[in-house]
Amino acid sequence: MQMSADFRTMVTNYMRFMVDSVKRFSGFDWGAKKQHHVENL
């Protein structure tokens, strides 16, 4: 169970890192367009 939980945490952190890297690299935003519009307002 603990190994599985650690694996899920690792995958989650990796996905967050990849999404953040893509957003920084290309300015492309998959899931936070609504937040982006709110920030611009």
C-alpha atoms as a PDB file:
ATOM      1  CA  MET A   1       0.000   0.000   0.000  1.00  0.00           C
ATOM      2  CA  GLN A   2       2.729   2.469   0.947  1.00  0.00           C
ATOM      3  CA  MET A   3       4.738   1.774  -2.204  1.00  0.00           C
ATOM      4  CA  SER A   4       1.598   2.299  -4.266  1.00  0.00           C
ATOM      5  CA  ALA A   5       0.877   5.589  -2.507  1.00  0.00           C
ATOM      6  CA  ASP A   6       4.455   6.756  -3.022  1.00  0.00           C
ATOM      7  CA  PHE A   7       4.207   5.832  -6.695  1.00  0.00           C
ATOM      8  CA  ARG A   8       0.972   7.812  -7.086  1.00  0.00           C
ATOM      9  CA  THR A   9       2.589  10.802  -5.374  1.00  0.00           C
ATOM     10  CA  MET A  10       5.622  10.542  -7.639  1.00  0.00           C
ATOM     11  CA  VAL A  11       3.451  10.357 -10.759  1.00  0.00           C
ATOM     12  CA  THR A  12       1.326  13.291  -9.586  1.00  0.00           C
ATOM     13  CA  ASN A  13       4.389  15.426  -8.902  1.00  0.00           C
ATOM     14  CA  TYR A  14       5.882  14.418 -12.261  1.00  0.00           C
ATOM     15  CA  MET A  15       2.697  15.371 -14.117  1.00  0.00           C
ATOM     16  CA  ARG A  16       2.551  18.716 -12.324  1.00  0.00           C
ATOM     17  CA  PHE A  17       6.200  19.313 -13.225  1.00  0.00           C
ATOM     18  CA  MET A  18       5.609  18.445 -16.879  1.00  0.00           C
ATOM     19  CA  VAL A  19       2.508  20.658 -17.150  1.00  0.00           C
ATOM     20  CA  ASP A  20       4.325  23.527 -15.453  1.00  0.00           C
ATOM     21  CA  SER A  21       7.302  23.083 -17.786  1.00  0.00           C
ATOM     22  CA  VAL A  22       5.060  23.072 -20.858  1.00  0.00           C
ATOM     23  CA  LYS A  23       3.260  26.191 -19.645  1.00  0.00           C
ATOM     24  CA  ARG A  24       6.550  27.994 -19.051  1.00  0.00           C
ATOM     25  CA  PHE A  25       8.097  26.816 -22.322  1.00  0.00           C
ATOM     26  CA  SER A  26       5.291  27.606 -24.766  1.00  0.00           C
ATOM     27  CA  GLY A  27       2.854  29.713 -22.752  1.00  0.00           C
ATOM     28  CA  PHE A  28       0.270  27.030 -23.507  1.00  0.00           C
ATOM     29  CA  ASP A  29      -2.257  26.443 -20.754  1.00  0.00           C
ATOM     30  CA  TRP A  30      -4.384  23.275 -20.612  1.00  0.00           C
ATOM     31  CA  GLY A  31      -6.414  23.446 -17.417  1.00  0.00           C
ATOM     32  CA  ALA A  32      -6.037  26.974 -16.078  1.00  0.00           C
ATOM     33  CA  LYS A  33      -7.458  29.139 -18.867  1.00  0.00           C
ATOM     34  CA  LYS A  34     -10.291  30.237 -16.581  1.00  0.00           C
ATOM     35  CA  GLN A  35      -7.818  31.117 -13.834  1.00  0.00           C
ATOM     36  CA  HIS A  36      -5.679  32.961 -16.383  1.00  0.00           C
ATOM     37  CA  HIS A  37      -8.645  35.088 -17.450  1.00  0.00           C
ATOM     38  CA  VAL A  38      -9.486  35.835 -13.827  1.00  0.00           C
ATOM     39  CA  GLU A  39      -5.895  36.896 -13.171  1.00  0.00           C
ATOM     40  CA  ASN A  40      -5.976  39.204 -16.201  1.00  0.00           C
ATOM     41  CA  LEU A  41      -9.116  40.862 -14.881  1.00  0.00           C
END
